[in-house]
Amino acid sequence: MSGSLALVQPVDAPQDPQSALLDRVFFALSDPVRRDILVRLDAGPQLVSELAAPFDISLQAVSRHIQVLVRAGLVRQERTGRISRCSLDAGPVFAAAVWINRYSKYWQEQFDMLAAALTQIEERRSAPAAPARPRKRPGGKPKGAG
């Protein structure tokens, strides 16, 4: 992973808020550490230090991952002095699921067509072969005749 976690967007391409949210959510979900943090937060709120414990990365690196999740709206972070507690907010995941479901019908149709084509190929392969016709010898008579 590169050192920068910044989201990069073309300067001349304004986005509607829903599209920008989806970009942040999918970016946040693209990293296994961030996905694991979300899984752990599904059990309930945790301190950043608790979230960082199982990872072989610095507390600062875990904090950067958490900030990506916060910007995506997937995690809420509350600070009390130097203590930071994180909790899961699954709302943006539902927005991503709605977007994915919009295209699932199209992809299901594509998979169904592929399955039908593969079934046809398999049926042709397993169909009994047509009986072989006797081959003619160079002299014009079938082999075995004469």
Protein backbone atom coordinates (compact mmCIF):
# COMPACT_ATOMS: atom_id res chain seq x y z
CA MET A 1 0.00 0.00 0.00
CA SER A 2 1.31 3.46 -0.77
CA GLY A 3 2.04 5.93 2.01
CA SER A 4 -0.91 8.15 1.11
CA LEU A 5 -4.49 7.32 2.00
CA ALA A 6 -5.89 10.39 0.26
CA LEU A 7 -8.82 9.95 -2.10
CA VAL A 8 -7.94 11.07 -5.60
CA GLN A 9 -10.63 12.47 -7.86
CA PRO A 10 -10.38 14.34 -11.16
CA VAL A 11 -10.49 18.09 -10.59
CA ASP A 12 -12.94 18.79 -13.42
CA ALA A 13 -15.39 15.99 -12.58
CA PRO A 14 -17.90 17.17 -9.96
CA GLN A 15 -19.72 14.33 -8.25
CA ASP A 16 -23.13 14.10 -6.72
CA PRO A 17 -23.06 13.40 -2.96
CA GLN A 18 -24.32 9.81 -3.35
CA SER A 19 -21.56 8.97 -5.83
CA ALA A 20 -18.92 10.56 -3.61
CA LEU A 21 -20.20 8.53 -0.63
CA LEU A 22 -20.00 5.30 -2.64
CA ASP A 23 -16.43 6.14 -3.68
CA ARG A 24 -15.41 6.62 -0.05
CA VAL A 25 -17.21 3.45 1.10
CA PHE A 26 -15.72 1.23 -1.61
CA PHE A 27 -12.27 2.73 -1.02
CA ALA A 28 -12.59 2.09 2.72
CA LEU A 29 -13.71 -1.50 2.13
CA SER A 30 -10.85 -2.17 -0.28
CA ASP A 31 -8.31 -2.74 2.50
CA PRO A 32 -8.23 -5.95 4.59
CA VAL A 33 -7.13 -4.10 7.76
CA ARG A 34 -10.09 -1.74 7.51
CA ARG A 35 -12.49 -4.61 6.83
CA ASP A 36 -11.14 -6.42 9.90
CA ILE A 37 -11.62 -3.28 12.00
CA LEU A 38 -15.27 -3.19 10.89
CA VAL A 39 -15.74 -6.86 11.78
CA ARG A 40 -14.30 -6.23 15.23
CA LEU A 41 -16.51 -3.17 15.74
CA ASP A 42 -19.55 -5.26 14.86
CA ALA A 43 -19.15 -6.81 18.33
CA GLY A 44 -19.46 -3.36 19.91
CA PRO A 45 -17.55 -0.10 20.47
CA GLN A 46 -13.82 -0.36 21.15
CA LEU A 47 -10.92 1.90 21.99
CA VAL A 48 -8.44 2.60 19.20
CA SER A 49 -5.75 0.85 21.25
CA GLU A 50 -7.97 -2.26 21.47
CA LEU A 51 -8.56 -2.19 17.73
CA ALA A 52 -4.82 -1.86 17.07
CA ALA A 53 -3.78 -4.76 19.33
CA PRO A 54 -4.02 -7.67 16.84
CA PHE A 55 -2.30 -5.86 13.98
CA ASP A 56 1.41 -5.89 13.31
CA ILE A 57 1.36 -2.20 12.40
CA SER A 58 1.82 0.98 14.41
CA LEU A 59 -0.95 2.64 16.38
CA GLN A 60 -0.54 5.62 14.05
CA ALA A 61 -1.17 3.41 10.99
CA VAL A 62 -4.31 1.97 12.60
CA SER A 63 -5.45 5.52 13.38
CA ARG A 64 -5.04 6.44 9.70
CA HIS A 65 -7.15 3.42 8.71
CA ILE A 66 -9.80 4.48 11.21
CA GLN A 67 -9.83 8.00 9.75
CA VAL A 68 -10.54 6.53 6.29
CA LEU A 69 -13.45 4.61 7.83
CA VAL A 70 -14.68 7.78 9.59
CA ARG A 71 -14.56 9.78 6.31
CA ALA A 72 -16.58 7.00 4.65
CA GLY A 73 -19.15 7.26 7.45
CA LEU A 74 -18.60 3.63 8.45
CA VAL A 75 -17.15 4.43 11.88
CA ARG A 76 -18.03 7.03 14.50
CA GLN A 77 -15.22 8.18 16.76
CA GLU A 78 -15.73 9.84 20.14
CA ARG A 79 -12.85 11.40 22.04
CA THR A 80 -12.66 11.89 25.78
CA GLY A 81 -9.33 13.53 26.49
CA ARG A 82 -6.69 11.26 24.97
CA ILE A 83 -9.01 8.26 24.78
CA SER A 84 -10.73 7.57 21.48
CA ARG A 85 -13.64 5.12 21.25
CA CYS A 86 -14.90 3.85 17.90
CA SER A 87 -18.28 2.40 16.97
CA LEU A 88 -19.72 0.96 13.80
CA ASP A 89 -22.20 2.80 11.59
CA ALA A 90 -23.42 0.38 8.93
CA GLY A 91 -25.63 2.92 7.13
CA PRO A 92 -23.21 3.63 4.28
CA VAL A 93 -22.82 -0.12 3.65
CA PHE A 94 -26.54 -0.25 2.95
CA ALA A 95 -26.12 2.53 0.37
CA ALA A 96 -23.40 0.45 -1.31
CA ALA A 97 -25.63 -2.65 -1.19
CA VAL A 98 -28.46 -0.75 -2.91
CA TRP A 99 -26.04 0.30 -5.66
CA ILE A 100 -24.76 -3.27 -6.08
CA ASN A 101 -28.30 -4.70 -6.11
CA ARG A 102 -29.24 -2.31 -8.91
CA TYR A 103 -26.80 -4.15 -11.17
CA SER A 104 -27.30 -7.65 -9.78
CA LYS A 105 -30.23 -8.31 -12.16
CA TYR A 106 -28.01 -7.53 -15.15
CA TRP A 107 -25.21 -9.74 -13.87
CA GLN A 108 -27.62 -12.55 -12.98
CA GLU A 109 -28.93 -12.48 -16.55
CA GLN A 110 -25.35 -12.65 -17.85
CA PHE A 111 -24.55 -15.59 -15.56
CA ASP A 112 -27.77 -17.36 -16.62
CA MET A 113 -26.83 -16.97 -20.31
CA LEU A 114 -23.33 -18.29 -19.58
CA ALA A 115 -24.78 -21.27 -17.70
CA ALA A 116 -27.12 -22.04 -20.62
CA ALA A 117 -24.23 -21.88 -23.10
CA LEU A 118 -22.08 -24.16 -20.94
CA THR A 119 -24.98 -26.62 -20.60
CA GLN A 120 -25.37 -26.73 -24.40
CA ILE A 121 -21.65 -27.39 -24.83
CA GLU A 122 -21.76 -30.17 -22.24
CA GLU A 123 -24.84 -31.73 -23.86
CA ARG A 124 -23.09 -31.75 -27.25
CA ARG A 125 -20.02 -33.38 -25.73
CA SER A 126 -22.01 -36.08 -23.95
CA ALA A 127 -24.37 -36.82 -26.88
CA PRO A 128 -23.68 -40.17 -28.58
CA ALA A 129 -21.45 -39.79 -31.59
CA ALA A 130 -22.92 -40.48 -35.02
CA PRO A 131 -21.94 -43.92 -36.33
CA ALA A 132 -18.77 -43.82 -38.35
CA ARG A 133 -19.16 -44.39 -42.08
CA PRO A 134 -16.78 -46.87 -43.63
CA ARG A 135 -13.78 -45.19 -45.14
CA LYS A 136 -12.99 -45.79 -48.76
CA ARG A 137 -9.65 -47.18 -49.75
CA PRO A 138 -7.59 -45.32 -52.30
CA GLY A 139 -8.89 -47.71 -54.97
CA GLY A 140 -12.45 -46.55 -54.35
CA LYS A 141 -13.74 -49.63 -52.46
CA PRO A 142 -14.69 -49.50 -48.79
CA LYS A 143 -12.22 -51.07 -46.42
CA GLY A 144 -13.08 -54.69 -45.74
CA ALA A 145 -14.96 -55.10 -49.02
CA GLY A 146 -13.23 -57.42 -51.27
